[in-house]
Amino acid sequence: MRITVFGATGNIGQVVAVEALNRGHQVTAVTRSASKASQLPANVNIEVADVNNVEDVIRLSQGQDLVISATRPVEGQEKQLVGIANALLEGLLETRTRLLLVGGAACLTVPNTDGKLVLDDESFVPPAWKDIAQACYEQYQHCVSHRNQNWTYMSPAALIGSGTRTGQFRVSDGELLIDEQGKSHISWQDFAVALLDEAQSPQFLGGKFTVGY
């Protein structure tokens, strides 16, 4: 597959690019700063562009099989997430390229709570995380309401960080996954495995899914 990755120099984006390369895909890695290009594998095609710019999205999705977006705004600019989703959906409507959007867990429901959202559960979203969680929730809702429905929204577990690639995890189409110790977590590496699995064999087109141990 020919895959464009926006946010390719971020924590998740870098791991996703490596996973895609290891599976034999052709990767175009997009960054907003040329100075960060050294963080990327040597065998990716590097492009400097802005995911907020619809013309950049069109240019870098033309002829591609898939666009993956793993961008994250800096603290204080969380509401950019909705604009980013809109730019991607509008641009990809033009090129008819599928979108796999890395989002947040806020739109998931908490098990055994009659549908309570992760967004509204302080055990998973403490006050310090509320702004980014709210923005992620609004980002997902924007995808749902947009005329372009050629997308999949991928939510991480409540906690995601560096770890190992085990290839062993669970998948859910809308409920937060919690292990026997009451922890909701996934490594960046296994998140990337699940993301590329979905890229290669779509199961959740026009909807969301999540992974966890």
C-alpha atoms as a PDB file:
ATOM      1  CA  MET A   1       0.000   0.000   0.000  1.00  0.00           C
ATOM      2  CA  ARG A   2       0.970   3.629  -0.492  1.00  0.00           C
ATOM      3  CA  ILE A   3       0.441   5.315   2.873  1.00  0.00           C
ATOM      4  CA  THR A   4       0.783   8.948   3.925  1.00  0.00           C
ATOM      5  CA  VAL A   5       1.339   9.534   7.641  1.00  0.00           C
ATOM      6  CA  PHE A   6       0.633  12.994   9.052  1.00  0.00           C
ATOM      7  CA  GLY A   7       2.239  13.607  12.448  1.00  0.00           C
ATOM      8  CA  ALA A   8       4.980  11.154  11.521  1.00  0.00           C
ATOM      9  CA  THR A   9       7.533  12.607  13.968  1.00  0.00           C
ATOM     10  CA  GLY A  10       5.241  12.209  16.995  1.00  0.00           C
ATOM     11  CA  ASN A  11       5.433   9.307  19.413  1.00  0.00           C
ATOM     12  CA  ILE A  12       2.691   7.290  17.728  1.00  0.00           C
ATOM     13  CA  GLY A  13       3.444   8.500  14.204  1.00  0.00           C
ATOM     14  CA  GLN A  14       7.040   7.302  14.292  1.00  0.00           C
ATOM     15  CA  VAL A  15       6.054   3.835  15.500  1.00  0.00           C
ATOM     16  CA  VAL A  16       3.276   3.625  12.907  1.00  0.00           C
ATOM     17  CA  ALA A  17       5.701   4.555  10.126  1.00  0.00           C
ATOM     18  CA  VAL A  18       8.129   1.846  11.218  1.00  0.00           C
ATOM     19  CA  GLU A  19       5.369  -0.779  11.468  1.00  0.00           C
ATOM     20  CA  ALA A  20       4.131   0.125   7.993  1.00  0.00           C
ATOM     21  CA  LEU A  21       7.644  -0.074   6.528  1.00  0.00           C
ATOM     22  CA  ASN A  22       8.247  -3.432   8.179  1.00  0.00           C
ATOM     23  CA  ARG A  23       5.121  -4.735   6.462  1.00  0.00           C
ATOM     24  CA  GLY A  24       6.426  -3.650   3.080  1.00  0.00           C
ATOM     25  CA  HIS A  25       4.299  -0.559   2.543  1.00  0.00           C
ATOM     26  CA  GLN A  26       5.521   2.635   0.870  1.00  0.00           C
ATOM     27  CA  VAL A  27       5.416   5.419   3.452  1.00  0.00           C
ATOM     28  CA  THR A  28       5.275   9.168   2.934  1.00  0.00           C
ATOM     29  CA  ALA A  29       6.043  10.754   6.301  1.00  0.00           C
ATOM     30  CA  VAL A  30       4.703  14.275   6.781  1.00  0.00           C
ATOM     31  CA  THR A  31       6.106  16.725   9.313  1.00  0.00           C
ATOM     32  CA  ARG A  32       5.576  20.438   9.868  1.00  0.00           C
ATOM     33  CA  SER A  33       9.273  20.989  10.552  1.00  0.00           C
ATOM     34  CA  ALA A  34      12.124  19.891   8.319  1.00  0.00           C
ATOM     35  CA  SER A  35      14.405  19.912  11.367  1.00  0.00           C
ATOM     36  CA  LYS A  36      12.580  16.850  12.710  1.00  0.00           C
ATOM     37  CA  ALA A  37      13.134  14.760   9.588  1.00  0.00           C
ATOM     38  CA  SER A  38      16.219  13.141  11.119  1.00  0.00           C
ATOM     39  CA  GLN A  39      13.920  11.304  13.556  1.00  0.00           C
ATOM     40  CA  LEU A  40      12.406   9.313  10.706  1.00  0.00           C
ATOM     41  CA  PRO A  41      13.625   6.080   9.092  1.00  0.00           C
ATOM     42  CA  ALA A  42      15.872   6.574   6.093  1.00  0.00           C
ATOM     43  CA  ASN A  43      13.576   4.697   3.692  1.00  0.00           C
ATOM     44  CA  VAL A  44      10.511   6.947   3.983  1.00  0.00           C
ATOM     45  CA  ASN A  45       9.593   9.737   1.615  1.00  0.00           C
ATOM     46  CA  ILE A  46       9.673  12.912   3.742  1.00  0.00           C
ATOM     47  CA  GLU A  47       7.349  15.835   3.053  1.00  0.00           C
ATOM     48  CA  VAL A  48       7.030  19.105   4.957  1.00  0.00           C
ATOM     49  CA  ALA A  49       3.395  20.219   5.098  1.00  0.00           C
ATOM     50  CA  ASP A  50       0.564  21.395   7.357  1.00  0.00           C
ATOM     51  CA  VAL A  51      -2.300  19.030   8.069  1.00  0.00           C
ATOM     52  CA  ASN A  52      -4.536  22.084   8.628  1.00  0.00           C
ATOM     53  CA  ASN A  53      -4.095  23.048   4.974  1.00  0.00           C
ATOM     54  CA  VAL A  54      -6.627  21.342   2.717  1.00  0.00           C
ATOM     55  CA  GLU A  55      -4.408  21.841  -0.336  1.00  0.00           C
ATOM     56  CA  ASP A  56      -1.527  20.058   1.425  1.00  0.00           C
ATOM     57  CA  VAL A  57      -3.871  17.187   2.309  1.00  0.00           C
ATOM     58  CA  ILE A  58      -4.995  16.921  -1.308  1.00  0.00           C
ATOM     59  CA  ARG A  59      -1.444  17.040  -2.648  1.00  0.00           C
ATOM     60  CA  LEU A  60      -0.120  14.387  -0.287  1.00  0.00           C
ATOM     61  CA  SER A  61      -3.073  12.026  -0.630  1.00  0.00           C
ATOM     62  CA  GLN A  62      -3.221  12.058  -4.430  1.00  0.00           C
ATOM     63  CA  GLY A  63      -2.539   8.535  -5.662  1.00  0.00           C
ATOM     64  CA  GLN A  64      -2.249   7.131  -2.124  1.00  0.00           C
ATOM     65  CA  ASP A  65      -4.204   4.170  -0.787  1.00  0.00           C
ATOM     66  CA  LEU A  66      -4.518   5.490   2.748  1.00  0.00           C
ATOM     67  CA  VAL A  67      -3.862   8.526   4.923  1.00  0.00           C
ATOM     68  CA  ILE A  68      -3.065   8.020   8.600  1.00  0.00           C
ATOM     69  CA  SER A  69      -3.204  11.047  10.874  1.00  0.00           C
ATOM     70  CA  ALA A  70      -1.511  10.850  14.269  1.00  0.00           C
ATOM     71  CA  THR A  71      -1.206  14.563  14.997  1.00  0.00           C
ATOM     72  CA  ARG A  72      -1.506  16.144  18.443  1.00  0.00           C
ATOM     73  CA  PRO A  73      -1.723  19.889  19.149  1.00  0.00           C
ATOM     74  CA  VAL A  74       0.357  21.483  21.877  1.00  0.00           C
ATOM     75  CA  GLU A  75      -1.193  22.216  25.255  1.00  0.00           C
ATOM     76  CA  GLY A  76      -3.578  25.129  25.053  1.00  0.00           C
ATOM     77  CA  GLN A  77      -4.433  24.503  21.402  1.00  0.00           C
ATOM     78  CA  GLU A  78      -6.469  21.333  21.865  1.00  0.00           C
ATOM     79  CA  LYS A  79      -9.435  22.653  19.865  1.00  0.00           C
ATOM     80  CA  GLN A  80      -7.296  22.460  16.721  1.00  0.00           C
ATOM     81  CA  LEU A  81      -8.240  18.780  16.581  1.00  0.00           C
ATOM     82  CA  VAL A  82     -11.639  19.555  15.071  1.00  0.00           C
ATOM     83  CA  GLY A  83     -10.070  21.761  12.410  1.00  0.00           C
ATOM     84  CA  ILE A  84      -7.515  19.080  11.628  1.00  0.00           C
ATOM     85  CA  ALA A  85     -10.251  16.480  11.175  1.00  0.00           C
ATOM     86  CA  ASN A  86     -12.173  18.848   8.915  1.00  0.00           C
ATOM     87  CA  ALA A  87      -9.149  19.619   6.731  1.00  0.00           C
ATOM     88  CA  LEU A  88      -8.443  15.913   6.341  1.00  0.00           C
ATOM     89  CA  LEU A  89     -12.024  14.973   5.543  1.00  0.00           C
ATOM     90  CA  GLU A  90     -12.446  17.825   3.056  1.00  0.00           C
ATOM     91  CA  GLY A  91      -9.145  17.122   1.310  1.00  0.00           C
ATOM     92  CA  LEU A  92      -9.674  13.394   1.152  1.00  0.00           C
ATOM     93  CA  LEU A  93     -13.161  13.874  -0.242  1.00  0.00           C
ATOM     94  CA  GLU A  94     -11.401  15.372  -3.241  1.00  0.00           C
ATOM     95  CA  THR A  95      -8.955  12.478  -3.729  1.00  0.00           C
ATOM     96  CA  ARG A  96     -11.263   9.728  -2.401  1.00  0.00           C
ATOM     97  CA  THR A  97      -8.485   8.419  -0.187  1.00  0.00           C
ATOM     98  CA  ARG A  98      -9.394   6.540   2.984  1.00  0.00           C
ATOM     99  CA  LEU A  99      -8.558   8.111   6.357  1.00  0.00           C
ATOM    100  CA  LEU A 100      -7.415   6.312   9.491  1.00  0.00           C
ATOM    101  CA  LEU A 101      -7.535   8.927  12.251  1.00  0.00           C
ATOM    102  CA  VAL A 102      -5.777   8.400  15.575  1.00  0.00           C
ATOM    103  CA  GLY A 103      -7.992  10.031  18.166  1.00  0.00           C
ATOM    104  CA  GLY A 104      -8.635   9.726  21.872  1.00  0.00           C
ATOM    105  CA  ALA A 105     -10.577   7.485  24.235  1.00  0.00           C
ATOM    106  CA  ALA A 106     -13.117  10.145  25.268  1.00  0.00           C
ATOM    107  CA  CYS A 107     -15.828   8.879  22.908  1.00  0.00           C
ATOM    108  CA  LEU A 108     -15.710   5.335  24.286  1.00  0.00           C
ATOM    109  CA  THR A 109     -18.092   4.039  26.936  1.00  0.00           C
ATOM    110  CA  VAL A 110     -16.983   2.742  30.344  1.00  0.00           C
ATOM    111  CA  PRO A 111     -17.866  -0.913  31.021  1.00  0.00           C
ATOM    112  CA  ASN A 112     -20.736  -1.585  33.436  1.00  0.00           C
ATOM    113  CA  THR A 113     -21.882   2.049  33.621  1.00  0.00           C
ATOM    114  CA  ASP A 114     -24.956   2.059  31.354  1.00  0.00           C
ATOM    115  CA  GLY A 115     -23.158   3.967  28.643  1.00  0.00           C
ATOM    116  CA  LYS A 116     -21.189   6.543  30.608  1.00  0.00           C
ATOM    117  CA  LEU A 117     -18.555   8.152  28.416  1.00  0.00           C
ATOM    118  CA  VAL A 118     -14.866   7.993  29.265  1.00  0.00           C
ATOM    119  CA  LEU A 119     -14.971  11.783  28.817  1.00  0.00           C
ATOM    120  CA  ASP A 120     -17.194  12.057  31.900  1.00  0.00           C
ATOM    121  CA  ASP A 121     -15.331   9.591  34.142  1.00  0.00           C
ATOM    122  CA  GLU A 122     -12.676  11.290  36.281  1.00  0.00           C
ATOM    123  CA  SER A 123     -11.029   7.960  37.065  1.00  0.00           C
ATOM    124  CA  PHE A 124      -9.915   7.914  33.417  1.00  0.00           C
ATOM    125  CA  VAL A 125      -9.993  11.634  32.597  1.00  0.00           C
ATOM    126  CA  PRO A 126      -8.756  13.718  35.522  1.00  0.00           C
ATOM    127  CA  PRO A 127      -9.302  17.501  35.338  1.00  0.00           C
ATOM    128  CA  ALA A 128      -5.814  18.068  33.879  1.00  0.00           C
ATOM    129  CA  TRP A 129      -6.760  15.948  30.828  1.00  0.00           C
ATOM    130  CA  LYS A 130     -10.261  17.335  30.352  1.00  0.00           C
ATOM    131  CA  ASP A 131      -9.436  19.833  27.605  1.00  0.00           C
ATOM    132  CA  ILE A 132      -7.719  17.331  25.324  1.00  0.00           C
ATOM    133  CA  ALA A 133     -10.414  14.727  26.046  1.00  0.00           C
ATOM    134  CA  GLN A 134     -13.187  17.181  25.183  1.00  0.00           C
ATOM    135  CA  ALA A 135     -11.402  18.128  21.964  1.00  0.00           C
ATOM    136  CA  CYS A 136     -11.009  14.468  21.004  1.00  0.00           C
ATOM    137  CA  TYR A 137     -14.697  13.870  21.637  1.00  0.00           C
ATOM    138  CA  GLU A 138     -15.645  16.836  19.445  1.00  0.00           C
ATOM    139  CA  GLN A 139     -13.221  15.610  16.792  1.00  0.00           C
ATOM    140  CA  TYR A 140     -14.967  12.241  16.670  1.00  0.00           C
ATOM    141  CA  GLN A 141     -18.404  13.878  16.508  1.00  0.00           C
ATOM    142  CA  HIS A 142     -17.230  16.009  13.604  1.00  0.00           C
ATOM    143  CA  CYS A 143     -16.220  12.865  11.726  1.00  0.00           C
ATOM    144  CA  VAL A 144     -19.626  11.309  12.380  1.00  0.00           C
ATOM    145  CA  SER A 145     -21.478  14.336  11.015  1.00  0.00           C
ATOM    146  CA  HIS A 146     -19.225  15.013   8.005  1.00  0.00           C
ATOM    147  CA  ARG A 147     -20.362  14.234   4.452  1.00  0.00           C
ATOM    148  CA  ASN A 148     -17.141  12.261   3.891  1.00  0.00           C
ATOM    149  CA  GLN A 149     -17.638   8.891   5.582  1.00  0.00           C
ATOM    150  CA  ASN A 150     -14.534   7.158   4.178  1.00  0.00           C
ATOM    151  CA  TRP A 151     -12.770   7.156   7.561  1.00  0.00           C
ATOM    152  CA  THR A 152     -12.044   5.085  10.649  1.00  0.00           C
ATOM    153  CA  TYR A 153     -11.449   6.621  14.082  1.00  0.00           C
ATOM    154  CA  MET A 154      -9.023   4.682  16.271  1.00  0.00           C
ATOM    155  CA  SER A 155      -9.071   5.274  20.018  1.00  0.00           C
ATOM    156  CA  PRO A 156      -6.201   4.178  22.242  1.00  0.00           C
ATOM    157  CA  ALA A 157      -6.703   2.730  25.681  1.00  0.00           C
ATOM    158  CA  ALA A 158      -6.909   5.239  28.541  1.00  0.00           C
ATOM    159  CA  LEU A 159      -3.128   4.991  28.915  1.00  0.00           C
ATOM    160  CA  ILE A 160      -0.709   4.598  26.031  1.00  0.00           C
ATOM    161  CA  GLY A 161       3.073   4.720  26.090  1.00  0.00           C
ATOM    162  CA  SER A 162       6.297   3.098  25.017  1.00  0.00           C
ATOM    163  CA  GLY A 163       6.490  -0.636  25.492  1.00  0.00           C
ATOM    164  CA  THR A 164       6.971  -3.811  23.518  1.00  0.00           C
ATOM    165  CA  ARG A 165       5.399  -5.189  20.368  1.00  0.00           C
ATOM    166  CA  THR A 166       3.581  -8.323  21.512  1.00  0.00           C
ATOM    167  CA  GLY A 167       0.855  -8.554  18.889  1.00  0.00           C
ATOM    168  CA  GLN A 168      -1.447  -9.685  21.702  1.00  0.00           C
ATOM    169  CA  PHE A 169      -4.332  -7.344  22.506  1.00  0.00           C
ATOM    170  CA  ARG A 170      -8.102  -7.078  22.452  1.00  0.00           C
ATOM    171  CA  VAL A 171     -10.261  -5.028  20.089  1.00  0.00           C
ATOM    172  CA  SER A 172     -13.577  -3.316  20.827  1.00  0.00           C
ATOM    173  CA  ASP A 173     -15.897  -1.268  18.634  1.00  0.00           C
ATOM    174  CA  GLY A 174     -16.822   1.280  21.280  1.00  0.00           C
ATOM    175  CA  GLU A 175     -16.263   0.172  24.870  1.00  0.00           C
ATOM    176  CA  LEU A 176     -13.083   0.963  26.777  1.00  0.00           C
ATOM    177  CA  LEU A 177     -11.007  -2.171  27.361  1.00  0.00           C
ATOM    178  CA  ILE A 178      -9.954  -2.749  30.958  1.00  0.00           C
ATOM    179  CA  ASP A 179      -7.768  -5.617  32.173  1.00  0.00           C
ATOM    180  CA  GLU A 180      -8.263  -7.789  35.255  1.00  0.00           C
ATOM    181  CA  GLN A 181      -6.333  -5.281  37.376  1.00  0.00           C
ATOM    182  CA  GLY A 182      -8.699  -2.491  36.366  1.00  0.00           C
ATOM    183  CA  LYS A 183      -6.125  -0.872  34.084  1.00  0.00           C
ATOM    184  CA  SER A 184      -6.785   0.350  30.555  1.00  0.00           C
ATOM    185  CA  HIS A 185      -3.504   0.440  28.666  1.00  0.00           C
ATOM    186  CA  ILE A 186      -1.690  -0.333  25.407  1.00  0.00           C
ATOM    187  CA  SER A 187       1.834   0.208  24.118  1.00  0.00           C
ATOM    188  CA  TRP A 188       2.540   2.467  21.164  1.00  0.00           C
ATOM    189  CA  GLN A 189       3.997  -0.563  19.428  1.00  0.00           C
ATOM    190  CA  ASP A 190       0.886  -2.758  19.758  1.00  0.00           C
ATOM    191  CA  PHE A 191      -1.344   0.207  18.953  1.00  0.00           C
ATOM    192  CA  ALA A 192       0.562   0.494  15.665  1.00  0.00           C
ATOM    193  CA  VAL A 193       0.074  -3.228  15.006  1.00  0.00           C
ATOM    194  CA  ALA A 194      -3.694  -2.879  15.432  1.00  0.00           C
ATOM    195  CA  LEU A 195      -3.750   0.256  13.307  1.00  0.00           C
ATOM    196  CA  LEU A 196      -1.923  -1.424  10.405  1.00  0.00           C
ATOM    197  CA  ASP A 197      -4.164  -4.467  10.745  1.00  0.00           C
ATOM    198  CA  GLU A 198      -7.132  -2.150  10.196  1.00  0.00           C
ATOM    199  CA  ALA A 199      -5.304  -0.419   7.357  1.00  0.00           C
ATOM    200  CA  GLN A 200      -4.807  -3.707   5.532  1.00  0.00           C
ATOM    201  CA  SER A 201      -8.176  -5.280   6.340  1.00  0.00           C
ATOM    202  CA  PRO A 202     -10.785  -2.607   7.161  1.00  0.00           C
ATOM    203  CA  GLN A 203     -13.362  -3.670   9.727  1.00  0.00           C
ATOM    204  CA  PHE A 204     -14.605  -0.351  11.102  1.00  0.00           C
ATOM    205  CA  LEU A 205     -15.122   1.948   8.117  1.00  0.00           C
ATOM    206  CA  GLY A 206     -17.242   4.937   9.101  1.00  0.00           C
ATOM    207  CA  GLY A 207     -16.912   4.148  12.799  1.00  0.00           C
ATOM    208  CA  LYS A 208     -14.570   3.856  15.756  1.00  0.00           C
ATOM    209  CA  PHE A 209     -12.646   1.097  17.459  1.00  0.00           C
ATOM    210  CA  THR A 210     -10.177   0.723  20.282  1.00  0.00           C
ATOM    211  CA  VAL A 211      -7.519  -1.692  21.483  1.00  0.00           C
ATOM    212  CA  GLY A 212      -6.194  -2.663  24.904  1.00  0.00           C
ATOM    213  CA  TYR A 213      -4.652  -5.494  26.871  1.00  0.00           C
END
